[in-house]
All heavy atoms as atom14 arrays in JSON, in Angstrom:
{
  "sequence": "VEEAYIQGVHVNPSGEAMRKGFHADFIMFVQDGDKVTKVTRDEWITR",
  "atom14_mask": [
    [1, 1, 1, 1, 1, 1, 1, 0, 0, 0, 0, 0, 0, 0],
    [1, 1, 1, 1, 1, 1, 1, 1, 1, 0, 0, 0, 0, 0],
    [1, 1, 1, 1, 1, 1, 1, 1, 1, 0, 0, 0, 0, 0],
    [1, 1, 1, 1, 1, 0, 0, 0, 0, 0, 0, 0, 0, 0],
    [1, 1, 1, 1, 1, 1, 1, 1, 1, 1, 1, 1, 0, 0],
    [1, 1, 1, 1, 1, 1, 1, 1, 0, 0, 0, 0, 0, 0],
    [1, 1, 1, 1, 1, 1, 1, 1, 1, 0, 0, 0, 0, 0],
    [1, 1, 1, 1, 0, 0, 0, 0, 0, 0, 0, 0, 0, 0],
    [1, 1, 1, 1, 1, 1, 1, 0, 0, 0, 0, 0, 0, 0],
    [1, 1, 1, 1, 1, 1, 1, 1, 1, 1, 0, 0, 0, 0],
    [1, 1, 1, 1, 1, 1, 1, 0, 0, 0, 0, 0, 0, 0],
    [1, 1, 1, 1, 1, 1, 1, 1, 0, 0, 0, 0, 0, 0],
    [1, 1, 1, 1, 1, 1, 1, 0, 0, 0, 0, 0, 0, 0],
    [1, 1, 1, 1, 1, 1, 0, 0, 0, 0, 0, 0, 0, 0],
    [1, 1, 1, 1, 0, 0, 0, 0, 0, 0, 0, 0, 0, 0],
    [1, 1, 1, 1, 1, 1, 1, 1, 1, 0, 0, 0, 0, 0],
    [1, 1, 1, 1, 1, 0, 0, 0, 0, 0, 0, 0, 0, 0],
    [1, 1, 1, 1, 1, 1, 1, 1, 0, 0, 0, 0, 0, 0],
    [1, 1, 1, 1, 1, 1, 1, 1, 1, 1, 1, 0, 0, 0],
    [1, 1, 1, 1, 1, 1, 1, 1, 1, 0, 0, 0, 0, 0],
    [1, 1, 1, 1, 0, 0, 0, 0, 0, 0, 0, 0, 0, 0],
    [1, 1, 1, 1, 1, 1, 1, 1, 1, 1, 1, 0, 0, 0],
    [1, 1, 1, 1, 1, 1, 1, 1, 1, 1, 0, 0, 0, 0],
    [1, 1, 1, 1, 1, 0, 0, 0, 0, 0, 0, 0, 0, 0],
    [1, 1, 1, 1, 1, 1, 1, 1, 0, 0, 0, 0, 0, 0],
    [1, 1, 1, 1, 1, 1, 1, 1, 1, 1, 1, 0, 0, 0],
    [1, 1, 1, 1, 1, 1, 1, 1, 0, 0, 0, 0, 0, 0],
    [1, 1, 1, 1, 1, 1, 1, 1, 0, 0, 0, 0, 0, 0],
    [1, 1, 1, 1, 1, 1, 1, 1, 1, 1, 1, 0, 0, 0],
    [1, 1, 1, 1, 1, 1, 1, 0, 0, 0, 0, 0, 0, 0],
    [1, 1, 1, 1, 1, 1, 1, 1, 1, 0, 0, 0, 0, 0],
    [1, 1, 1, 1, 1, 1, 1, 1, 0, 0, 0, 0, 0, 0],
    [1, 1, 1, 1, 0, 0, 0, 0, 0, 0, 0, 0, 0, 0],
    [1, 1, 1, 1, 1, 1, 1, 1, 0, 0, 0, 0, 0, 0],
    [1, 1, 1, 1, 1, 1, 1, 1, 1, 0, 0, 0, 0, 0],
    [1, 1, 1, 1, 1, 1, 1, 0, 0, 0, 0, 0, 0, 0],
    [1, 1, 1, 1, 1, 1, 1, 0, 0, 0, 0, 0, 0, 0],
    [1, 1, 1, 1, 1, 1, 1, 1, 1, 0, 0, 0, 0, 0],
    [1, 1, 1, 1, 1, 1, 1, 0, 0, 0, 0, 0, 0, 0],
    [1, 1, 1, 1, 1, 1, 1, 0, 0, 0, 0, 0, 0, 0],
    [1, 1, 1, 1, 1, 1, 1, 1, 1, 1, 1, 0, 0, 0],
    [1, 1, 1, 1, 1, 1, 1, 1, 0, 0, 0, 0, 0, 0],
    [1, 1, 1, 1, 1, 1, 1, 1, 1, 0, 0, 0, 0, 0],
    [1, 1, 1, 1, 1, 1, 1, 1, 1, 1, 1, 1, 1, 1],
    [1, 1, 1, 1, 1, 1, 1, 1, 0, 0, 0, 0, 0, 0],
    [1, 1, 1, 1, 1, 1, 1, 0, 0, 0, 0, 0, 0, 0],
    [1, 1, 1, 1, 1, 1, 1, 1, 1, 1, 1, 0, 0, 0]
  ],
  "atom14_positions": [
    [[-64.24, -121.98, -142.77], [-65.57, -122.39, -143.2], [-65.5, -123.73, -143.94], [-66.3, -124.64, -143.68], [-66.24, -121.31, -144.08], [-67.55, -121.82, -144.68], [-66.49, -120.05, -143.26], [0.0, 0.0, 0.0], [0.0, 0.0, 0.0], [0.0, 0.0, 0.0], [0.0, 0.0, 0.0], [0.0, 0.0, 0.0], [0.0, 0.0, 0.0], [0.0, 0.0, 0.0]],
    [[-64.54, -123.85, -144.84], [-64.39, -125.09, -145.62], [-64.09, -126.29, -144.72], [-64.72, -127.34, -144.83], [-63.28, -124.93, -146.66], [-62.91, -126.18, -147.41], [-63.99, -126.68, -148.35], [-64.75, -125.85, -148.9], [-64.08, -127.9, -148.56], [0.0, 0.0, 0.0], [0.0, 0.0, 0.0], [0.0, 0.0, 0.0], [0.0, 0.0, 0.0], [0.0, 0.0, 0.0]],
    [[-63.12, -126.13, -143.82], [-62.68, -127.25, -142.99], [-63.66, -127.6, -141.88], [-63.98, -128.77, -141.66], [-61.3, -126.96, -142.4], [-60.22, -126.9, -143.46], [-58.89, -126.4, -142.92], [-58.69, -126.38, -141.69], [-58.03, -126.01, -143.73], [0.0, 0.0, 0.0], [0.0, 0.0, 0.0], [0.0, 0.0, 0.0], [0.0, 0.0, 0.0], [0.0, 0.0, 0.0]],
    [[-64.14, -126.59, -141.15], [-64.98, -126.86, -139.98], [-66.44, -127.12, -140.35], [-67.07, -128.0, -139.77], [-64.9, -125.69, -139.0], [0.0, 0.0, 0.0], [0.0, 0.0, 0.0], [0.0, 0.0, 0.0], [0.0, 0.0, 0.0], [0.0, 0.0, 0.0], [0.0, 0.0, 0.0], [0.0, 0.0, 0.0], [0.0, 0.0, 0.0], [0.0, 0.0, 0.0]],
    [[-66.97, -126.35, -141.3], [-68.39, -126.49, -141.61], [-68.64, -127.42, -142.79], [-69.32, -128.44, -142.64], [-69.03, -125.13, -141.87], [-70.51, -125.23, -142.14], [-71.39, -125.61, -141.13], [-71.01, -124.99, -143.4], [-72.74, -125.73, -141.38], [-72.37, -125.1, -143.66], [-73.23, -125.48, -142.65], [-74.57, -125.61, -142.89], [0.0, 0.0, 0.0], [0.0, 0.0, 0.0]],
    [[-68.1, -127.1, -143.94], [-68.41, -127.92, -145.13], [-67.88, -129.33, -144.96], [-68.62, -130.31, -145.1], [-67.88, -127.25, -146.4], [-68.61, -125.92, -146.63], [-68.05, -128.17, -147.61], [-68.07, -125.06, -147.73], [0.0, 0.0, 0.0], [0.0, 0.0, 0.0], [0.0, 0.0, 0.0], [0.0, 0.0, 0.0], [0.0, 0.0, 0.0], [0.0, 0.0, 0.0]],
    [[-66.58, -129.45, -144.65], [-65.99, -130.78, -144.49], [-66.4, -131.42, -143.16], [-66.84, -132.56, -143.13], [-64.46, -130.71, -144.59], [-63.95, -130.3, -145.95], [-64.24, -131.32, -147.03], [-64.2, -132.52, -146.79], [-64.55, -130.82, -148.2], [0.0, 0.0, 0.0], [0.0, 0.0, 0.0], [0.0, 0.0, 0.0], [0.0, 0.0, 0.0], [0.0, 0.0, 0.0]],
    [[-66.26, -130.66, -142.05], [-66.48, -131.21, -140.72], [-67.91, -131.55, -140.38], [-68.17, -132.4, -139.53], [0.0, 0.0, 0.0], [0.0, 0.0, 0.0], [0.0, 0.0, 0.0], [0.0, 0.0, 0.0], [0.0, 0.0, 0.0], [0.0, 0.0, 0.0], [0.0, 0.0, 0.0], [0.0, 0.0, 0.0], [0.0, 0.0, 0.0], [0.0, 0.0, 0.0]],
    [[-68.87, -130.9, -141.06], [-70.28, -131.17, -140.78], [-70.91, -132.01, -141.89], [-71.57, -133.0, -141.61], [-71.08, -129.85, -140.61], [-72.57, -130.12, -140.43], [-70.55, -129.05, -139.43], [0.0, 0.0, 0.0], [0.0, 0.0, 0.0], [0.0, 0.0, 0.0], [0.0, 0.0, 0.0], [0.0, 0.0, 0.0], [0.0, 0.0, 0.0], [0.0, 0.0, 0.0]],
    [[-70.68, -131.63, -143.14], [-71.43, -132.23, -144.24], [-70.71, -133.34, -144.99], [-71.31, -134.37, -145.29], [-71.86, -131.14, -145.23], [-72.78, -130.14, -144.62], [-74.1, -130.41, -144.34], [-72.57, -128.86, -144.21], [-74.67, -129.35, -143.79], [-73.76, -128.4, -143.7], [0.0, 0.0, 0.0], [0.0, 0.0, 0.0], [0.0, 0.0, 0.0], [0.0, 0.0, 0.0]],
    [[-69.46, -133.15, -145.34], [-68.77, -134.12, -146.19], [-68.24, -135.31, -145.4], [-68.51, -136.46, -145.73], [-67.61, -133.43, -146.97], [-66.84, -134.44, -147.81], [-68.17, -132.33, -147.86], [0.0, 0.0, 0.0], [0.0, 0.0, 0.0], [0.0, 0.0, 0.0], [0.0, 0.0, 0.0], [0.0, 0.0, 0.0], [0.0, 0.0, 0.0], [0.0, 0.0, 0.0]],
    [[-67.48, -135.02, -144.38], [-66.86, -136.08, -143.57], [-67.0, -135.67, -142.11], [-66.07, -135.11, -141.53], [-65.38, -136.24, -143.95], [-64.73, -137.38, -143.24], [-65.39, -138.32, -142.8], [-63.42, -137.31, -143.1], [0.0, 0.0, 0.0], [0.0, 0.0, 0.0], [0.0, 0.0, 0.0], [0.0, 0.0, 0.0], [0.0, 0.0, 0.0], [0.0, 0.0, 0.0]],
    [[-68.17, -135.91, -141.49], [-68.42, -135.42, -140.14], [-67.27, -135.72, -139.18], [-66.81, -136.84, -139.06], [-69.69, -136.17, -139.72], [-70.39, -136.43, -141.02], [-69.28, -136.7, -142.0], [0.0, 0.0, 0.0], [0.0, 0.0, 0.0], [0.0, 0.0, 0.0], [0.0, 0.0, 0.0], [0.0, 0.0, 0.0], [0.0, 0.0, 0.0], [0.0, 0.0, 0.0]],
    [[-66.8, -134.64, -138.53], [-65.65, -134.75, -137.63], [-65.79, -133.76, -136.49], [-65.74, -132.55, -136.69], [-64.36, -134.46, -138.41], [-63.29, -134.25, -137.51], [0.0, 0.0, 0.0], [0.0, 0.0, 0.0], [0.0, 0.0, 0.0], [0.0, 0.0, 0.0], [0.0, 0.0, 0.0], [0.0, 0.0, 0.0], [0.0, 0.0, 0.0], [0.0, 0.0, 0.0]],
    [[-65.96, -134.29, -135.29], [-66.04, -133.43, -134.11], [-64.77, -132.62, -133.92], [-64.81, -131.46, -133.53], [0.0, 0.0, 0.0], [0.0, 0.0, 0.0], [0.0, 0.0, 0.0], [0.0, 0.0, 0.0], [0.0, 0.0, 0.0], [0.0, 0.0, 0.0], [0.0, 0.0, 0.0], [0.0, 0.0, 0.0], [0.0, 0.0, 0.0], [0.0, 0.0, 0.0]],
    [[-63.64, -133.21, -134.24], [-62.36, -132.52, -134.11], [-62.31, -131.29, -135.03], [-61.93, -130.2, -134.61], [-61.21, -133.46, -134.44], [-59.85, -132.83, -134.33], [-58.72, -133.78, -134.69], [-58.94, -135.0, -134.75], [-57.6, -133.28, -134.9], [0.0, 0.0, 0.0], [0.0, 0.0, 0.0], [0.0, 0.0, 0.0], [0.0, 0.0, 0.0], [0.0, 0.0, 0.0]],
    [[-62.72, -131.46, -136.28], [-62.73, -130.34, -137.23], [-63.72, -129.27, -136.79], [-63.43, -128.07, -136.87], [-63.07, -130.83, -138.63], [0.0, 0.0, 0.0], [0.0, 0.0, 0.0], [0.0, 0.0, 0.0], [0.0, 0.0, 0.0], [0.0, 0.0, 0.0], [0.0, 0.0, 0.0], [0.0, 0.0, 0.0], [0.0, 0.0, 0.0], [0.0, 0.0, 0.0]],
    [[-64.87, -129.69, -136.29], [-65.89, -128.73, -135.84], [-65.39, -127.94, -134.63], [-65.6, -126.73, -134.54], [-67.19, -129.46, -135.51], [-67.86, -130.03, -136.75], [-69.31, -131.05, -136.37], [-70.46, -129.8, -135.81], [0.0, 0.0, 0.0], [0.0, 0.0, 0.0], [0.0, 0.0, 0.0], [0.0, 0.0, 0.0], [0.0, 0.0, 0.0], [0.0, 0.0, 0.0]],
    [[-64.72, -128.61, -133.7], [-64.21, -127.92, -132.51], [-63.15, -126.88, -132.88], [-63.03, -125.85, -132.23], [-63.65, -128.92, -131.52], [-64.72, -129.63, -130.73], [-64.15, -130.56, -129.66], [-65.23, -131.26, -128.99], [-65.76, -132.41, -129.41], [-65.28, -133.01, -130.5], [-66.76, -132.97, -128.76], [0.0, 0.0, 0.0], [0.0, 0.0, 0.0], [0.0, 0.0, 0.0]],
    [[-62.37, -127.15, -133.93], [-61.36, -126.2, -134.37], [-61.98, -124.94, -134.97], [-61.39, -123.87, -134.9], [-60.42, -126.84, -135.39], [-59.47, -127.84, -134.8], [-58.57, -128.43, -135.88], [-57.64, -129.47, -135.31], [-56.81, -130.08, -136.37], [0.0, 0.0, 0.0], [0.0, 0.0, 0.0], [0.0, 0.0, 0.0], [0.0, 0.0, 0.0], [0.0, 0.0, 0.0]],
    [[-63.15, -125.08, -135.6], [-63.73, -123.95, -136.32], [-64.88, -123.25, -135.64], [-65.21, -122.12, -136.0], [0.0, 0.0, 0.0], [0.0, 0.0, 0.0], [0.0, 0.0, 0.0], [0.0, 0.0, 0.0], [0.0, 0.0, 0.0], [0.0, 0.0, 0.0], [0.0, 0.0, 0.0], [0.0, 0.0, 0.0], [0.0, 0.0, 0.0], [0.0, 0.0, 0.0]],
    [[-65.51, -123.89, -134.67], [-66.63, -123.28, -133.97], [-66.22, -122.9, -132.55], [-65.61, -123.71, -131.84], [-67.82, -124.24, -133.91], [-68.51, -124.42, -135.24], [-68.08, -125.39, -136.14], [-69.57, -123.61, -135.6], [-68.7, -125.54, -137.36], [-70.2, -123.76, -136.82], [-69.76, -124.73, -137.71], [0.0, 0.0, 0.0], [0.0, 0.0, 0.0], [0.0, 0.0, 0.0]],
    [[-66.58, -121.71, -132.14], [-66.25, -121.22, -130.8], [-66.89, -122.12, -129.75], [-67.97, -122.67, -129.95], [-66.77, -119.79, -130.66], [-66.24, -119.1, -129.45], [-66.8, -119.24, -128.21], [-65.18, -118.26, -129.31], [-66.13, -118.51, -127.33], [-65.13, -117.91, -127.98], [0.0, 0.0, 0.0], [0.0, 0.0, 0.0], [0.0, 0.0, 0.0], [0.0, 0.0, 0.0]],
    [[-66.22, -122.27, -128.62], [-66.71, -123.13, -127.54], [-68.08, -122.69, -127.04], [-68.87, -123.51, -126.56], [-65.71, -123.16, -126.4], [0.0, 0.0, 0.0], [0.0, 0.0, 0.0], [0.0, 0.0, 0.0], [0.0, 0.0, 0.0], [0.0, 0.0, 0.0], [0.0, 0.0, 0.0], [0.0, 0.0, 0.0], [0.0, 0.0, 0.0], [0.0, 0.0, 0.0]],
    [[-68.39, -121.41, -127.14], [-69.69, -120.88, -126.67], [-70.75, -120.88, -127.77], [-71.83, -120.32, -127.57], [-69.52, -119.45, -126.14], [-68.67, -119.41, -124.89], [-68.57, -120.43, -124.18], [-68.07, -118.35, -124.61], [0.0, 0.0, 0.0], [0.0, 0.0, 0.0], [0.0, 0.0, 0.0], [0.0, 0.0, 0.0], [0.0, 0.0, 0.0], [0.0, 0.0, 0.0]],
    [[-70.47, -121.49, -128.91], [-71.43, -121.56, -130.01], [-72.74, -122.15, -129.53], [-72.76, -123.15, -128.81], [-70.84, -122.42, -131.14], [-71.82, -122.77, -132.22], [-72.01, -121.93, -133.3], [-72.55, -123.95, -132.16], [-72.92, -122.26, -134.3], [-73.44, -124.29, -133.15], [-73.64, -123.44, -134.22], [0.0, 0.0, 0.0], [0.0, 0.0, 0.0], [0.0, 0.0, 0.0]],
    [[-73.84, -121.53, -129.92], [-75.17, -122.06, -129.63], [-76.0, -121.96, -130.91], [-76.01, -120.93, -131.58], [-75.87, -121.28, -128.5], [-75.13, -121.5, -127.19], [-77.32, -121.7, -128.36], [-75.69, -120.7, -126.04], [0.0, 0.0, 0.0], [0.0, 0.0, 0.0], [0.0, 0.0, 0.0], [0.0, 0.0, 0.0], [0.0, 0.0, 0.0], [0.0, 0.0, 0.0]],
    [[-76.68, -123.03, -131.22], [-77.58, -123.05, -132.37], [-79.0, -123.16, -131.83], [-79.26, -123.91, -130.89], [-77.26, -124.26, -133.27], [-78.17, -124.37, -134.45], [-77.71, -125.65, -135.66], [-77.06, -126.96, -134.69], [0.0, 0.0, 0.0], [0.0, 0.0, 0.0], [0.0, 0.0, 0.0], [0.0, 0.0, 0.0], [0.0, 0.0, 0.0], [0.0, 0.0, 0.0]],
    [[-79.9, -122.4, -132.42], [-81.3, -122.46, -132.04], [-82.01, -123.37, -133.05], [-81.93, -123.15, -134.26], [-81.93, -121.07, -132.03], [-81.37, -120.2, -130.95], [-80.27, -119.4, -131.18], [-81.92, -120.19, -129.68], [-79.74, -118.61, -130.19], [-81.4, -119.41, -128.67], [-80.31, -118.61, -128.93], [0.0, 0.0, 0.0], [0.0, 0.0, 0.0], [0.0, 0.0, 0.0]],
    [[-82.7, -124.38, -132.54], [-83.37, -125.36, -133.39], [-84.87, -125.26, -133.15], [-85.33, -125.33, -132.01], [-82.88, -126.79, -133.08], [-83.59, -127.81, -133.93], [-81.37, -126.88, -133.27], [0.0, 0.0, 0.0], [0.0, 0.0, 0.0], [0.0, 0.0, 0.0], [0.0, 0.0, 0.0], [0.0, 0.0, 0.0], [0.0, 0.0, 0.0], [0.0, 0.0, 0.0]],
    [[-85.62, -125.1, -134.24], [-87.07, -125.02, -134.14], [-87.67, -126.37, -134.47], [-87.33, -127.0, -135.47], [-87.61, -123.96, -135.1], [-89.11, -123.8, -134.99], [-89.64, -122.69, -135.87], [-88.89, -122.04, -136.59], [-90.94, -122.48, -135.81], [0.0, 0.0, 0.0], [0.0, 0.0, 0.0], [0.0, 0.0, 0.0], [0.0, 0.0, 0.0], [0.0, 0.0, 0.0]],
    [[-88.58, -126.8, -133.62], [-89.33, -128.03, -133.85], [-90.79, -127.7, -133.58], [-91.23, -127.67, -132.43], [-88.83, -129.14, -132.92], [-89.53, -130.47, -133.17], [-90.19, -130.6, -134.22], [-89.43, -131.36, -132.32], [0.0, 0.0, 0.0], [0.0, 0.0, 0.0], [0.0, 0.0, 0.0], [0.0, 0.0, 0.0], [0.0, 0.0, 0.0], [0.0, 0.0, 0.0]],
    [[-91.53, -127.4, -134.65], [-92.9, -126.95, -134.49], [-92.91, -125.57, -133.84], [-92.26, -124.65, -134.33], [0.0, 0.0, 0.0], [0.0, 0.0, 0.0], [0.0, 0.0, 0.0], [0.0, 0.0, 0.0], [0.0, 0.0, 0.0], [0.0, 0.0, 0.0], [0.0, 0.0, 0.0], [0.0, 0.0, 0.0], [0.0, 0.0, 0.0], [0.0, 0.0, 0.0]],
    [[-93.61, -125.46, -132.72], [-93.67, -124.19, -131.99], [-92.56, -124.06, -130.95], [-92.42, -123.03, -130.31], [-95.02, -124.04, -131.28], [-96.17, -123.88, -132.25], [-95.91, -123.46, -133.4], [-97.32, -124.18, -131.88], [0.0, 0.0, 0.0], [0.0, 0.0, 0.0], [0.0, 0.0, 0.0], [0.0, 0.0, 0.0], [0.0, 0.0, 0.0], [0.0, 0.0, 0.0]],
    [[-91.8, -125.11, -130.79], [-90.77, -125.14, -129.74], [-89.4, -124.79, -130.33], [-89.02, -125.27, -131.4], [-90.72, -126.54, -129.15], [-89.77, -126.73, -128.0], [-89.84, -128.16, -127.5], [-88.79, -128.41, -126.46], [-88.74, -129.83, -126.07], [0.0, 0.0, 0.0], [0.0, 0.0, 0.0], [0.0, 0.0, 0.0], [0.0, 0.0, 0.0], [0.0, 0.0, 0.0]],
    [[-88.65, -123.93, -129.62], [-87.29, -123.59, -130.01], [-86.36, -123.98, -128.86], [-86.6, -123.62, -127.71], [-87.15, -122.07, -130.3], [-85.7, -121.72, -130.6], [-88.05, -121.66, -131.46], [0.0, 0.0, 0.0], [0.0, 0.0, 0.0], [0.0, 0.0, 0.0], [0.0, 0.0, 0.0], [0.0, 0.0, 0.0], [0.0, 0.0, 0.0], [0.0, 0.0, 0.0]],
    [[-85.33, -124.75, -129.2], [-84.38, -125.18, -128.17], [-82.98, -124.73, -128.54], [-82.67, -124.53, -129.71], [-84.39, -126.72, -128.0], [-84.09, -127.32, -129.26], [-85.73, -127.22, -127.52], [0.0, 0.0, 0.0], [0.0, 0.0, 0.0], [0.0, 0.0, 0.0], [0.0, 0.0, 0.0], [0.0, 0.0, 0.0], [0.0, 0.0, 0.0], [0.0, 0.0, 0.0]],
    [[-82.15, -124.6, -127.52], [-80.75, -124.25, -127.72], [-79.93, -125.54, -127.78], [-80.14, -126.46, -126.99], [-80.22, -123.41, -126.56], [-80.8, -122.03, -126.47], [-80.18, -121.29, -125.28], [-80.75, -119.92, -125.11], [-80.14, -119.21, -123.97], [0.0, 0.0, 0.0], [0.0, 0.0, 0.0], [0.0, 0.0, 0.0], [0.0, 0.0, 0.0], [0.0, 0.0, 0.0]],
    [[-78.99, -125.57, -128.72], [-78.09, -126.71, -128.85], [-76.67, -126.17, -128.79], [-76.29, -125.31, -129.6], [-78.33, -127.46, -130.19], [-77.35, -128.61, -130.34], [-79.76, -127.95, -130.27], [0.0, 0.0, 0.0], [0.0, 0.0, 0.0], [0.0, 0.0, 0.0], [0.0, 0.0, 0.0], [0.0, 0.0, 0.0], [0.0, 0.0, 0.0], [0.0, 0.0, 0.0]],
    [[-75.89, -126.65, -127.85], [-74.5, -126.19, -127.74], [-73.66, -126.82, -128.84], [-74.09, -127.76, -129.53], [-73.88, -126.58, -126.38], [-73.78, -128.01, -126.32], [-74.7, -126.06, -125.22], [0.0, 0.0, 0.0], [0.0, 0.0, 0.0], [0.0, 0.0, 0.0], [0.0, 0.0, 0.0], [0.0, 0.0, 0.0], [0.0, 0.0, 0.0], [0.0, 0.0, 0.0]],
    [[-72.46, -126.31, -128.99], [-71.54, -126.86, -130.0], [-71.32, -128.34, -129.77], [-71.42, -129.15, -130.7], [-70.2, -126.13, -129.94], [-69.19, -126.68, -130.95], [-67.8, -126.2, -130.68], [-67.32, -126.77, -129.42], [-66.12, -126.56, -128.92], [-65.28, -125.78, -129.54], [-65.74, -127.11, -127.79], [0.0, 0.0, 0.0], [0.0, 0.0, 0.0], [0.0, 0.0, 0.0]],
    [[-71.04, -128.75, -128.53], [-70.75, -130.15, -128.26], [-71.98, -131.04, -128.42], [-71.86, -132.19, -128.86], [-70.12, -130.31, -126.87], [-68.72, -129.73, -126.81], [-68.05, -129.67, -127.87], [-68.27, -129.33, -125.72], [0.0, 0.0, 0.0], [0.0, 0.0, 0.0], [0.0, 0.0, 0.0], [0.0, 0.0, 0.0], [0.0, 0.0, 0.0], [0.0, 0.0, 0.0]],
    [[-73.16, -130.52, -128.09], [-74.38, -131.29, -128.34], [-74.61, -131.48, -129.85], [-75.01, -132.55, -130.29], [-75.59, -130.57, -127.73], [-75.62, -130.58, -126.22], [-76.67, -129.66, -125.63], [-77.1, -128.7, -126.3], [-77.06, -129.92, -124.48], [0.0, 0.0, 0.0], [0.0, 0.0, 0.0], [0.0, 0.0, 0.0], [0.0, 0.0, 0.0], [0.0, 0.0, 0.0]],
    [[-74.32, -130.43, -130.61], [-74.47, -130.51, -132.06], [-73.49, -131.52, -132.64], [-73.84, -132.32, -133.49], [-74.27, -129.12, -132.67], [-74.52, -129.01, -134.14], [-75.48, -129.67, -134.87], [-73.8, -128.21, -135.06], [-75.4, -129.3, -136.2], [-74.38, -128.4, -136.34], [-72.74, -127.34, -134.94], [-73.91, -127.75, -137.47], [-72.29, -126.67, -136.07], [-72.87, -126.89, -137.31]],
    [[-72.25, -131.48, -132.14], [-71.24, -132.43, -132.61], [-71.69, -133.85, -132.31], [-71.57, -134.75, -133.18], [-69.86, -132.13, -131.97], [-69.3, -130.83, -132.55], [-68.89, -133.3, -132.16], [-68.07, -130.31, -131.84], [0.0, 0.0, 0.0], [0.0, 0.0, 0.0], [0.0, 0.0, 0.0], [0.0, 0.0, 0.0], [0.0, 0.0, 0.0], [0.0, 0.0, 0.0]],
    [[-72.25, -134.09, -131.15], [-72.74, -135.42, -130.79], [-73.82, -135.87, -131.76], [-73.83, -137.01, -132.22], [-73.28, -135.44, -129.35], [-72.22, -135.07, -128.46], [-73.81, -136.79, -128.96], [0.0, 0.0, 0.0], [0.0, 0.0, 0.0], [0.0, 0.0, 0.0], [0.0, 0.0, 0.0], [0.0, 0.0, 0.0], [0.0, 0.0, 0.0], [0.0, 0.0, 0.0]],
    [[-74.72, -134.94, -132.11], [-75.78, -135.27, -133.08], [-75.2, -135.57, -134.46], [-75.64, -136.51, -135.12], [-76.76, -134.11, -133.2], [-77.61, -133.88, -131.97], [-78.56, -132.71, -132.2], [-79.35, -132.45, -131.01], [-80.38, -131.61, -131.0], [-80.72, -130.95, -132.09], [-81.04, -131.41, -129.87], [0.0, 0.0, 0.0], [0.0, 0.0, 0.0], [0.0, 0.0, 0.0]]
  ]
}
């Protein structure tokens, strides 16, 4: 959690750290108004 999420996402964004800690099939659901979209791990890393 510390390396992949806290450090890899928030402190020092790192796709490499995120890939080590998040499963390849990870999907995040993002709400934008009434619309909900799926974001894959690699799409999230790109963002």
